[in-house]
């Protein structure tokens, strides 16, 4: 956990890009595993999985801004979270 104790704008951007990618991979894998093992169609589509993977960024944002008082890292996380959410909705509604 010592690596998360940095107050840097670029570090906030980097961690905010990595966390949703990792969480999407885990959620997608679990979703696929449930469908294959139990022959059960889940309600989680790829779009819902993408949006759900962004929720962890909100927890990360709260950690940096409220608990640690790291404003620079929090601003980086906020920027990327806002941008990814905006891209998600633009892509979803234009599709």
PDB file of N, CA and C in Angstrom:
ATOM      1  N   UNK A   1       0.815  -1.203   0.000  1.00  0.00           N
ATOM      2  CA  UNK A   1       0.000   0.000   0.000  1.00  0.00           C
ATOM      3  C   UNK A   1       0.855   1.262   0.000  1.00  0.00           C
ATOM      4  N   UNK A   2       2.147   1.104   0.202  1.00  0.00           N
ATOM      5  CA  UNK A   2       3.020   2.269   0.231  1.00  0.00           C
ATOM      6  C   UNK A   2       3.083   2.941  -1.140  1.00  0.00           C
ATOM      7  N   UNK A   3       2.898   2.171  -2.192  1.00  0.00           N
ATOM      8  CA  UNK A   3       2.957   2.743  -3.537  1.00  0.00           C
ATOM      9  C   UNK A   3       1.795   3.694  -3.798  1.00  0.00           C
ATOM     10  N   UNK A   4       0.685   3.536  -3.100  1.00  0.00           N
ATOM     11  CA  UNK A   4      -0.467   4.408  -3.299  1.00  0.00           C
ATOM     12  C   UNK A   4      -0.337   5.739  -2.564  1.00  0.00           C
ATOM     13  N   UNK A   5       0.716   5.922  -1.828  1.00  0.00           N
ATOM     14  CA  UNK A   5       0.911   7.144  -1.049  1.00  0.00           C
ATOM     15  C   UNK A   5       1.730   8.181  -1.813  1.00  0.00           C
ATOM     16  N   UNK A   6       1.307   8.483  -3.002  1.00  0.00           N
ATOM     17  CA  UNK A   6       1.969   9.519  -3.801  1.00  0.00           C
ATOM     18  C   UNK A   6       0.959  10.600  -4.147  1.00  0.00           C
ATOM     19  N   UNK A   7       1.379  11.813  -4.085  1.00  0.00           N
ATOM     20  CA  UNK A   7       0.527  12.933  -4.443  1.00  0.00           C
ATOM     21  C   UNK A   7       1.042  13.546  -5.733  1.00  0.00           C
ATOM     22  N   UNK A   8       0.654  12.934  -6.842  1.00  0.00           N
ATOM     23  CA  UNK A   8       1.104  13.385  -8.148  1.00  0.00           C
ATOM     24  C   UNK A   8      -0.054  13.290  -9.137  1.00  0.00           C
ATOM     25  N   UNK A   9      -0.205  14.301  -9.960  1.00  0.00           N
ATOM     26  CA  UNK A   9      -1.277  14.331 -10.948  1.00  0.00           C
ATOM     27  C   UNK A   9      -1.131  13.168 -11.934  1.00  0.00           C
ATOM     28  N   UNK A  10       0.086  12.924 -12.422  1.00  0.00           N
ATOM     29  CA  UNK A  10       0.305  11.828 -13.368  1.00  0.00           C
ATOM     30  C   UNK A  10       0.076  10.464 -12.730  1.00  0.00           C
ATOM     31  N   UNK A  11       0.432  10.314 -11.461  1.00  0.00           N
ATOM     32  CA  UNK A  11       0.171   9.066 -10.764  1.00  0.00           C
ATOM     33  C   UNK A  11      -1.332   8.832 -10.638  1.00  0.00           C
ATOM     34  N   UNK A  12      -2.094   9.875 -10.358  1.00  0.00           N
ATOM     35  CA  UNK A  12      -3.550   9.762 -10.285  1.00  0.00           C
ATOM     36  C   UNK A  12      -4.143   9.343 -11.619  1.00  0.00           C
ATOM     37  N   UNK A  13      -3.630   9.898 -12.704  1.00  0.00           N
ATOM     38  CA  UNK A  13      -4.102   9.521 -14.038  1.00  0.00           C
ATOM     39  C   UNK A  13      -3.769   8.066 -14.327  1.00  0.00           C
ATOM     40  N   UNK A  14      -2.566   7.668 -14.018  1.00  0.00           N
ATOM     41  CA  UNK A  14      -2.132   6.294 -14.286  1.00  0.00           C
ATOM     42  C   UNK A  14      -2.953   5.279 -13.502  1.00  0.00           C
ATOM     43  N   UNK A  15      -3.132   5.501 -12.236  1.00  0.00           N
ATOM     44  CA  UNK A  15      -3.870   4.552 -11.408  1.00  0.00           C
ATOM     45  C   UNK A  15      -5.350   4.536 -11.799  1.00  0.00           C
ATOM     46  N   UNK A  16      -5.876   5.682 -12.244  1.00  0.00           N
ATOM     47  CA  UNK A  16      -7.275   5.751 -12.667  1.00  0.00           C
ATOM     48  C   UNK A  16      -7.502   5.067 -14.012  1.00  0.00           C
ATOM     49  N   UNK A  17      -6.469   4.884 -14.794  1.00  0.00           N
ATOM     50  CA  UNK A  17      -6.596   4.131 -16.048  1.00  0.00           C
ATOM     51  C   UNK A  17      -6.417   2.630 -15.822  1.00  0.00           C
ATOM     52  N   UNK A  18      -5.548   2.267 -14.905  1.00  0.00           N
ATOM     53  CA  UNK A  18      -5.246   0.856 -14.656  1.00  0.00           C
ATOM     54  C   UNK A  18      -6.373   0.160 -13.903  1.00  0.00           C
ATOM     55  N   UNK A  19      -6.913   0.810 -12.883  1.00  0.00           N
ATOM     56  CA  UNK A  19      -7.923   0.178 -12.031  1.00  0.00           C
ATOM     57  C   UNK A  19      -9.185  -0.243 -12.789  1.00  0.00           C
ATOM     58  N   UNK A  20      -9.779   0.599 -13.648  1.00  0.00           N
ATOM     59  CA  UNK A  20     -10.960   0.137 -14.380  1.00  0.00           C
ATOM     60  C   UNK A  20     -10.642  -0.992 -15.370  1.00  0.00           C
ATOM     61  N   UNK A  21      -9.454  -0.967 -15.956  1.00  0.00           N
ATOM     62  CA  UNK A  21      -9.083  -2.039 -16.881  1.00  0.00           C
ATOM     63  C   UNK A  21      -8.975  -3.373 -16.146  1.00  0.00           C
ATOM     64  N   UNK A  22      -8.346  -3.359 -14.990  1.00  0.00           N
ATOM     65  CA  UNK A  22      -8.234  -4.586 -14.200  1.00  0.00           C
ATOM     66  C   UNK A  22      -9.598  -5.059 -13.702  1.00  0.00           C
ATOM     67  N   UNK A  23     -10.402  -4.135 -13.215  1.00  0.00           N
ATOM     68  CA  UNK A  23     -11.716  -4.536 -12.703  1.00  0.00           C
ATOM     69  C   UNK A  23     -12.618  -5.023 -13.833  1.00  0.00           C
ATOM     70  N   UNK A  24     -12.519  -4.436 -15.023  1.00  0.00           N
ATOM     71  CA  UNK A  24     -13.303  -4.930 -16.149  1.00  0.00           C
ATOM     72  C   UNK A  24     -12.877  -6.350 -16.512  1.00  0.00           C
ATOM     73  N   UNK A  25     -11.584  -6.608 -16.515  1.00  0.00           N
ATOM     74  CA  UNK A  25     -11.103  -7.952 -16.819  1.00  0.00           C
ATOM     75  C   UNK A  25     -11.615  -8.985 -15.830  1.00  0.00           C
ATOM     76  N   UNK A  26     -11.585  -8.636 -14.547  1.00  0.00           N
ATOM     77  CA  UNK A  26     -12.075  -9.556 -13.517  1.00  0.00           C
ATOM     78  C   UNK A  26     -13.583  -9.765 -13.651  1.00  0.00           C
ATOM     79  N   UNK A  27     -14.327  -8.683 -13.828  1.00  0.00           N
ATOM     80  CA  UNK A  27     -15.781  -8.801 -13.962  1.00  0.00           C
ATOM     81  C   UNK A  27     -16.179  -9.566 -15.218  1.00  0.00           C
ATOM     82  N   UNK A  28     -15.486  -9.312 -16.308  1.00  0.00           N
ATOM     83  CA  UNK A  28     -15.787 -10.016 -17.560  1.00  0.00           C
ATOM     84  C   UNK A  28     -15.482 -11.509 -17.417  1.00  0.00           C
ATOM     85  N   UNK A  29     -14.378 -11.821 -16.772  1.00  0.00           N
ATOM     86  CA  UNK A  29     -14.024 -13.219 -16.547  1.00  0.00           C
ATOM     87  C   UNK A  29     -15.026 -13.930 -15.654  1.00  0.00           C
ATOM     88  N   UNK A  30     -15.435 -13.282 -14.574  1.00  0.00           N
ATOM     89  CA  UNK A  30     -16.441 -13.876 -13.686  1.00  0.00           C
ATOM     90  C   UNK A  30     -17.780 -14.049 -14.391  1.00  0.00           C
ATOM     91  N   UNK A  31     -18.152 -13.069 -15.185  1.00  0.00           N
ATOM     92  CA  UNK A  31     -19.405 -13.151 -15.940  1.00  0.00           C
ATOM     93  C   UNK A  31     -19.362 -14.321 -16.922  1.00  0.00           C
ATOM     94  N   UNK A  32     -18.262 -14.469 -17.617  1.00  0.00           N
ATOM     95  CA  UNK A  32     -18.118 -15.577 -18.567  1.00  0.00           C
ATOM     96  C   UNK A  32     -18.101 -16.920 -17.851  1.00  0.00           C
ATOM     97  N   UNK A  33     -17.442 -16.982 -16.720  1.00  0.00           N
ATOM     98  CA  UNK A  33     -17.373 -18.218 -15.945  1.00  0.00           C
ATOM     99  C   UNK A  33     -18.758 -18.642 -15.448  1.00  0.00           C
ATOM    100  N   UNK A  34     -19.519 -17.692 -14.959  1.00  0.00           N
ATOM    101  CA  UNK A  34     -20.877 -18.006 -14.483  1.00  0.00           C
ATOM    102  C   UNK A  34     -21.736 -18.505 -15.633  1.00  0.00           C
ATOM    103  N   UNK A  35     -21.630 -17.855 -16.789  1.00  0.00           N
ATOM    104  CA  UNK A  35     -22.429 -18.296 -17.943  1.00  0.00           C
ATOM    105  C   UNK A  35     -22.044 -19.694 -18.396  1.00  0.00           C
ATOM    106  N   UNK A  36     -20.766 -20.024 -18.380  1.00  0.00           N
ATOM    107  CA  UNK A  36     -20.324 -21.338 -18.849  1.00  0.00           C
ATOM    108  C   UNK A  36     -20.588 -22.441 -17.837  1.00  0.00           C
ATOM    109  N   UNK A  37     -20.323 -22.184 -16.576  1.00  0.00           N
ATOM    110  CA  UNK A  37     -20.485 -23.229 -15.565  1.00  0.00           C
ATOM    111  C   UNK A  37     -21.943 -23.569 -15.286  1.00  0.00           C
ATOM    112  N   UNK A  38     -22.773 -22.560 -15.194  1.00  0.00           N
ATOM    113  CA  UNK A  38     -24.152 -22.778 -14.794  1.00  0.00           C
ATOM    114  C   UNK A  38     -25.141 -22.680 -15.944  1.00  0.00           C
ATOM    115  N   UNK A  39     -24.641 -22.448 -17.157  1.00  0.00           N
ATOM    116  CA  UNK A  39     -25.495 -22.291 -18.330  1.00  0.00           C
ATOM    117  C   UNK A  39     -26.601 -21.277 -18.033  1.00  0.00           C
ATOM    118  N   UNK A  40     -26.177 -20.173 -17.452  1.00  0.00           N
ATOM    119  CA  UNK A  40     -27.081 -19.143 -16.967  1.00  0.00           C
ATOM    120  C   UNK A  40     -26.758 -17.839 -17.673  1.00  0.00           C
ATOM    121  N   UNK A  41     -27.741 -17.229 -18.276  1.00  0.00           N
ATOM    122  CA  UNK A  41     -27.534 -15.956 -18.964  1.00  0.00           C
ATOM    123  C   UNK A  41     -27.643 -14.815 -17.954  1.00  0.00           C
ATOM    124  N   UNK A  42     -26.559 -14.122 -17.734  1.00  0.00           N
ATOM    125  CA  UNK A  42     -26.554 -13.020 -16.769  1.00  0.00           C
ATOM    126  C   UNK A  42     -27.095 -11.758 -17.427  1.00  0.00           C
ATOM    127  N   UNK A  43     -27.485 -10.817 -16.609  1.00  0.00           N
ATOM    128  CA  UNK A  43     -28.010  -9.550 -17.107  1.00  0.00           C
ATOM    129  C   UNK A  43     -26.905  -8.548 -17.405  1.00  0.00           C
ATOM    130  N   UNK A  44     -25.656  -8.913 -17.157  1.00  0.00           N
ATOM    131  CA  UNK A  44     -24.536  -7.997 -17.347  1.00  0.00           C
ATOM    132  C   UNK A  44     -24.033  -8.055 -18.776  1.00  0.00           C
ATOM    133  N   UNK A  45     -24.315  -7.015 -19.524  1.00  0.00           N
ATOM    134  CA  UNK A  45     -23.776  -6.888 -20.867  1.00  0.00           C
ATOM    135  C   UNK A  45     -22.403  -6.227 -20.780  1.00  0.00           C
ATOM    136  N   UNK A  46     -21.727  -6.138 -21.892  1.00  0.00           N
ATOM    137  CA  UNK A  46     -20.399  -5.515 -21.908  1.00  0.00           C
ATOM    138  C   UNK A  46     -20.498  -4.048 -21.497  1.00  0.00           C
ATOM    139  N   UNK A  47     -21.541  -3.353 -21.921  1.00  0.00           N
ATOM    140  CA  UNK A  47     -21.711  -1.950 -21.543  1.00  0.00           C
ATOM    141  C   UNK A  47     -21.907  -1.804 -20.039  1.00  0.00           C
ATOM    142  N   UNK A  48     -22.685  -2.686 -19.455  1.00  0.00           N
ATOM    143  CA  UNK A  48     -22.895  -2.625 -18.008  1.00  0.00           C
ATOM    144  C   UNK A  48     -21.618  -2.972 -17.245  1.00  0.00           C
ATOM    145  N   UNK A  49     -20.860  -3.907 -17.767  1.00  0.00           N
ATOM    146  CA  UNK A  49     -19.589  -4.248 -17.132  1.00  0.00           C
ATOM    147  C   UNK A  49     -18.614  -3.084 -17.189  1.00  0.00           C
ATOM    148  N   UNK A  50     -18.589  -2.381 -18.310  1.00  0.00           N
ATOM    149  CA  UNK A  50     -17.718  -1.200 -18.441  1.00  0.00           C
ATOM    150  C   UNK A  50     -18.101  -0.122 -17.431  1.00  0.00           C
ATOM    151  N   UNK A  51     -19.393   0.129 -17.317  1.00  0.00           N
ATOM    152  CA  UNK A  51     -19.849   1.153 -16.381  1.00  0.00           C
ATOM    153  C   UNK A  51     -19.591   0.728 -14.935  1.00  0.00           C
ATOM    154  N   UNK A  52     -19.789  -0.536 -14.644  1.00  0.00           N
ATOM    155  CA  UNK A  52     -19.549  -1.047 -13.299  1.00  0.00           C
ATOM    156  C   UNK A  52     -18.062  -0.980 -12.936  1.00  0.00           C
ATOM    157  N   UNK A  53     -17.202  -1.141 -13.918  1.00  0.00           N
ATOM    158  CA  UNK A  53     -15.762  -1.078 -13.635  1.00  0.00           C
ATOM    159  C   UNK A  53     -15.308   0.341 -13.284  1.00  0.00           C
ATOM    160  N   UNK A  54     -16.090   1.342 -13.650  1.00  0.00           N
ATOM    161  CA  UNK A  54     -15.754   2.725 -13.304  1.00  0.00           C
ATOM    162  C   UNK A  54     -16.105   3.067 -11.857  1.00  0.00           C
ATOM    163  N   UNK A  55     -16.914   2.238 -11.216  1.00  0.00           N
ATOM    164  CA  UNK A  55     -17.315   2.514  -9.834  1.00  0.00           C
ATOM    165  C   UNK A  55     -16.108   2.493  -8.898  1.00  0.00           C
ATOM    166  N   UNK A  56     -15.148   1.623  -9.165  1.00  0.00           N
ATOM    167  CA  UNK A  56     -13.965   1.564  -8.311  1.00  0.00           C
ATOM    168  C   UNK A  56     -13.164   2.869  -8.353  1.00  0.00           C
ATOM    169  N   UNK A  57     -13.242   3.576  -9.457  1.00  0.00           N
ATOM    170  CA  UNK A  57     -12.569   4.877  -9.530  1.00  0.00           C
ATOM    171  C   UNK A  57     -13.193   5.871  -8.558  1.00  0.00           C
ATOM    172  N   UNK A  58     -14.487   5.755  -8.328  1.00  0.00           N
ATOM    173  CA  UNK A  58     -15.128   6.651  -7.362  1.00  0.00           C
ATOM    174  C   UNK A  58     -14.636   6.370  -5.948  1.00  0.00           C
ATOM    175  N   UNK A  59     -14.437   5.103  -5.644  1.00  0.00           N
ATOM    176  CA  UNK A  59     -13.873   4.757  -4.338  1.00  0.00           C
ATOM    177  C   UNK A  59     -12.434   5.239  -4.216  1.00  0.00           C
ATOM    178  N   UNK A  60     -11.683   5.108  -5.297  1.00  0.00           N
ATOM    179  CA  UNK A  60     -10.308   5.602  -5.320  1.00  0.00           C
ATOM    180  C   UNK A  60     -10.279   7.123  -5.174  1.00  0.00           C
ATOM    181  N   UNK A  61     -11.204   7.797  -5.810  1.00  0.00           N
ATOM    182  CA  UNK A  61     -11.304   9.253  -5.713  1.00  0.00           C
ATOM    183  C   UNK A  61     -11.578   9.678  -4.275  1.00  0.00           C
ATOM    184  N   UNK A  62     -12.476   8.994  -3.621  1.00  0.00           N
ATOM    185  CA  UNK A  62     -12.774   9.305  -2.222  1.00  0.00           C
ATOM    186  C   UNK A  62     -11.556   9.042  -1.338  1.00  0.00           C
ATOM    187  N   UNK A  63     -10.840   7.964  -1.622  1.00  0.00           N
ATOM    188  CA  UNK A  63      -9.651   7.639  -0.841  1.00  0.00           C
ATOM    189  C   UNK A  63      -8.626   8.762  -0.929  1.00  0.00           C
ATOM    190  N   UNK A  64      -8.380   9.254  -2.128  1.00  0.00           N
ATOM    191  CA  UNK A  64      -7.348  10.284  -2.293  1.00  0.00           C
ATOM    192  C   UNK A  64      -7.788  11.656  -1.808  1.00  0.00           C
ATOM    193  N   UNK A  65      -9.026  12.031  -2.056  1.00  0.00           N
ATOM    194  CA  UNK A  65      -9.442  13.380  -1.685  1.00  0.00           C
ATOM    195  C   UNK A  65      -9.858  13.511  -0.221  1.00  0.00           C
ATOM    196  N   UNK A  66     -10.539  12.516   0.318  1.00  0.00           N
ATOM    197  CA  UNK A  66     -11.058  12.638   1.677  1.00  0.00           C
ATOM    198  C   UNK A  66     -10.117  12.016   2.700  1.00  0.00           C
ATOM    199  N   UNK A  67      -9.740  10.769   2.487  1.00  0.00           N
ATOM    200  CA  UNK A  67      -8.958  10.064   3.500  1.00  0.00           C
ATOM    201  C   UNK A  67      -7.496  10.517   3.537  1.00  0.00           C
ATOM    202  N   UNK A  68      -6.868  10.660   2.385  1.00  0.00           N
ATOM    203  CA  UNK A  68      -5.442  10.972   2.343  1.00  0.00           C
ATOM    204  C   UNK A  68      -5.141  12.457   2.144  1.00  0.00           C
ATOM    205  N   UNK A  69      -6.105  13.222   1.671  1.00  0.00           N
ATOM    206  CA  UNK A  69      -5.918  14.658   1.383  1.00  0.00           C
ATOM    207  C   UNK A  69      -4.841  14.891   0.324  1.00  0.00           C
ATOM    208  N   UNK A  70      -4.772  13.985  -0.655  1.00  0.00           N
ATOM    209  CA  UNK A  70      -3.845  14.128  -1.775  1.00  0.00           C
ATOM    210  C   UNK A  70      -4.608  14.762  -2.936  1.00  0.00           C
ATOM    211  N   UNK A  71      -4.535  16.069  -3.047  1.00  0.00           N
ATOM    212  CA  UNK A  71      -5.327  16.775  -4.042  1.00  0.00           C
ATOM    213  C   UNK A  71      -4.856  16.517  -5.470  1.00  0.00           C
ATOM    214  N   UNK A  72      -3.568  16.449  -5.691  1.00  0.00           N
ATOM    215  CA  UNK A  72      -3.062  16.248  -7.048  1.00  0.00           C
ATOM    216  C   UNK A  72      -3.460  14.879  -7.591  1.00  0.00           C
ATOM    217  N   UNK A  73      -3.282  13.850  -6.821  1.00  0.00           N
ATOM    218  CA  UNK A  73      -3.683  12.504  -7.251  1.00  0.00           C
ATOM    219  C   UNK A  73      -5.192  12.428  -7.419  1.00  0.00           C
ATOM    220  N   UNK A  74      -5.921  13.054  -6.513  1.00  0.00           N
ATOM    221  CA  UNK A  74      -7.383  13.068  -6.604  1.00  0.00           C
ATOM    222  C   UNK A  74      -7.866  13.765  -7.860  1.00  0.00           C
ATOM    223  N   UNK A  75      -7.198  14.843  -8.242  1.00  0.00           N
ATOM    224  CA  UNK A  75      -7.580  15.553  -9.464  1.00  0.00           C
ATOM    225  C   UNK A  75      -7.313  14.702 -10.706  1.00  0.00           C
ATOM    226  N   UNK A  76      -6.223  13.951 -10.699  1.00  0.00           N
ATOM    227  CA  UNK A  76      -5.940  13.044 -11.815  1.00  0.00           C
ATOM    228  C   UNK A  76      -6.976  11.952 -11.932  1.00  0.00           C
ATOM    229  N   UNK A  77      -7.365  11.385 -10.803  1.00  0.00           N
ATOM    230  CA  UNK A  77      -8.400  10.346 -10.802  1.00  0.00           C
ATOM    231  C   UNK A  77      -9.724  10.935 -11.267  1.00  0.00           C
ATOM    232  N   UNK A  78     -10.063  12.121 -10.795  1.00  0.00           N
ATOM    233  CA  UNK A  78     -11.309  12.773 -11.188  1.00  0.00           C
ATOM    234  C   UNK A  78     -11.344  13.053 -12.683  1.00  0.00           C
ATOM    235  N   UNK A  79     -10.255  13.533 -13.235  1.00  0.00           N
ATOM    236  CA  UNK A  79     -10.184  13.832 -14.661  1.00  0.00           C
ATOM    237  C   UNK A  79     -10.429  12.579 -15.501  1.00  0.00           C
ATOM    238  N   UNK A  80      -9.743  11.508 -15.176  1.00  0.00           N
ATOM    239  CA  UNK A  80      -9.875  10.284 -15.957  1.00  0.00           C
ATOM    240  C   UNK A  80     -11.254   9.655 -15.765  1.00  0.00           C
ATOM    241  N   UNK A  81     -11.770   9.672 -14.551  1.00  0.00           N
ATOM    242  CA  UNK A  81     -13.099   9.116 -14.298  1.00  0.00           C
ATOM    243  C   UNK A  81     -14.157   9.877 -15.083  1.00  0.00           C
ATOM    244  N   UNK A  82     -14.069  11.192 -15.074  1.00  0.00           N
ATOM    245  CA  UNK A  82     -15.012  12.006 -15.834  1.00  0.00           C
ATOM    246  C   UNK A  82     -14.879  11.738 -17.330  1.00  0.00           C
ATOM    247  N   UNK A  83     -13.651  11.676 -17.824  1.00  0.00           N
ATOM    248  CA  UNK A  83     -13.431  11.448 -19.256  1.00  0.00           C
ATOM    249  C   UNK A  83     -13.932  10.068 -19.683  1.00  0.00           C
ATOM    250  N   UNK A  84     -13.632   9.040 -18.903  1.00  0.00           N
ATOM    251  CA  UNK A  84     -14.084   7.687 -19.257  1.00  0.00           C
ATOM    252  C   UNK A  84     -15.598   7.564 -19.203  1.00  0.00           C
ATOM    253  N   UNK A  85     -16.218   8.203 -18.231  1.00  0.00           N
ATOM    254  CA  UNK A  85     -17.677   8.175 -18.139  1.00  0.00           C
ATOM    255  C   UNK A  85     -18.303   8.910 -19.317  1.00  0.00           C
ATOM    256  N   UNK A  86     -17.753  10.040 -19.666  1.00  0.00           N
ATOM    257  CA  UNK A  86     -18.252  10.802 -20.809  1.00  0.00           C
ATOM    258  C   UNK A  86     -18.095  10.012 -22.104  1.00  0.00           C
ATOM    259  N   UNK A  87     -16.945   9.400 -22.304  1.00  0.00           N
ATOM    260  CA  UNK A  87     -16.717   8.574 -23.495  1.00  0.00           C
ATOM    261  C   UNK A  87     -17.680   7.401 -23.523  1.00  0.00           C
ATOM    262  N   UNK A  88     -17.910   6.774 -22.371  1.00  0.00           N
ATOM    263  CA  UNK A  88     -18.832   5.653 -22.294  1.00  0.00           C
ATOM    264  C   UNK A  88     -20.229   6.060 -22.763  1.00  0.00           C
ATOM    265  N   UNK A  89     -20.755   7.164 -22.223  1.00  0.00           N
ATOM    266  CA  UNK A  89     -22.107   7.568 -22.569  1.00  0.00           C
ATOM    267  C   UNK A  89     -22.214   8.066 -24.006  1.00  0.00           C
ATOM    268  N   UNK A  90     -21.220   8.758 -24.493  1.00  0.00           N
ATOM    269  CA  UNK A  90     -21.241   9.195 -25.897  1.00  0.00           C
ATOM    270  C   UNK A  90     -21.250   7.989 -26.816  1.00  0.00           C
ATOM    271  N   UNK A  91     -20.394   7.025 -26.553  1.00  0.00           N
ATOM    272  CA  UNK A  91     -20.341   5.817 -27.377  1.00  0.00           C
ATOM    273  C   UNK A  91     -21.635   5.018 -27.264  1.00  0.00           C
ATOM    274  N   UNK A  92     -22.167   4.917 -26.066  1.00  0.00           N
ATOM    275  CA  UNK A  92     -23.375   4.123 -25.844  1.00  0.00           C
ATOM    276  C   UNK A  92     -24.581   4.728 -26.559  1.00  0.00           C
ATOM    277  N   UNK A  93     -24.729   6.047 -26.506  1.00  0.00           N
ATOM    278  CA  UNK A  93     -25.890   6.672 -27.110  1.00  0.00           C
ATOM    279  C   UNK A  93     -25.744   6.887 -28.613  1.00  0.00           C
ATOM    280  N   UNK A  94     -24.537   6.916 -29.121  1.00  0.00           N
ATOM    281  CA  UNK A  94     -24.346   7.040 -30.568  1.00  0.00           C
ATOM    282  C   UNK A  94     -24.415   5.690 -31.266  1.00  0.00           C
ATOM    283  N   UNK A  95     -24.294   4.650 -30.505  1.00  0.00           N
ATOM    284  CA  UNK A  95     -24.349   3.304 -31.088  1.00  0.00           C
ATOM    285  C   UNK A  95     -25.734   2.905 -31.397  1.00  0.00           C
TER     286      UNK A  95
END
